[in-house]
């Protein structure tokens, strides 16, 4: 749905990301755990993030790779910053892996089942011509 030349979904996603970033920045330091629930939340977050990015690039034939790549790059940057601030390295690597797995699943599912196929001008096939 377009309104005033802007895509409402893009605006909603951008505002959501900014809100979450501001809430995380203002949050007090907390302890982390490597529990199943913690890693599951990273995987679900990765799936949602990759699905949203895949939706933003819905007209591209490489939308699944864009969703997976940008989502995984974002979590690697965030967790690397946490490591540089003194967080436990192995815990952050586990968070990165869970997020990347969720990103792969989310980008694939969004591309395969939620978005329409991309039609391009390239064709691959066999042409048969019979002379009369």
Foldseek 3Di string as FASTA:
>chain_A
DDDPNDDPLVVVVVVVVVVVVVVVVPDDDDDDDPDPVVLLVLLQVLLVQLLSQLVVVLQDQCSLVRSLVVSLVVLVVVLVVVVVVPDDPVSSVSSSVSSSNSNNVNSVCNQPPVGDHHDDPDDDDDDDDDDD
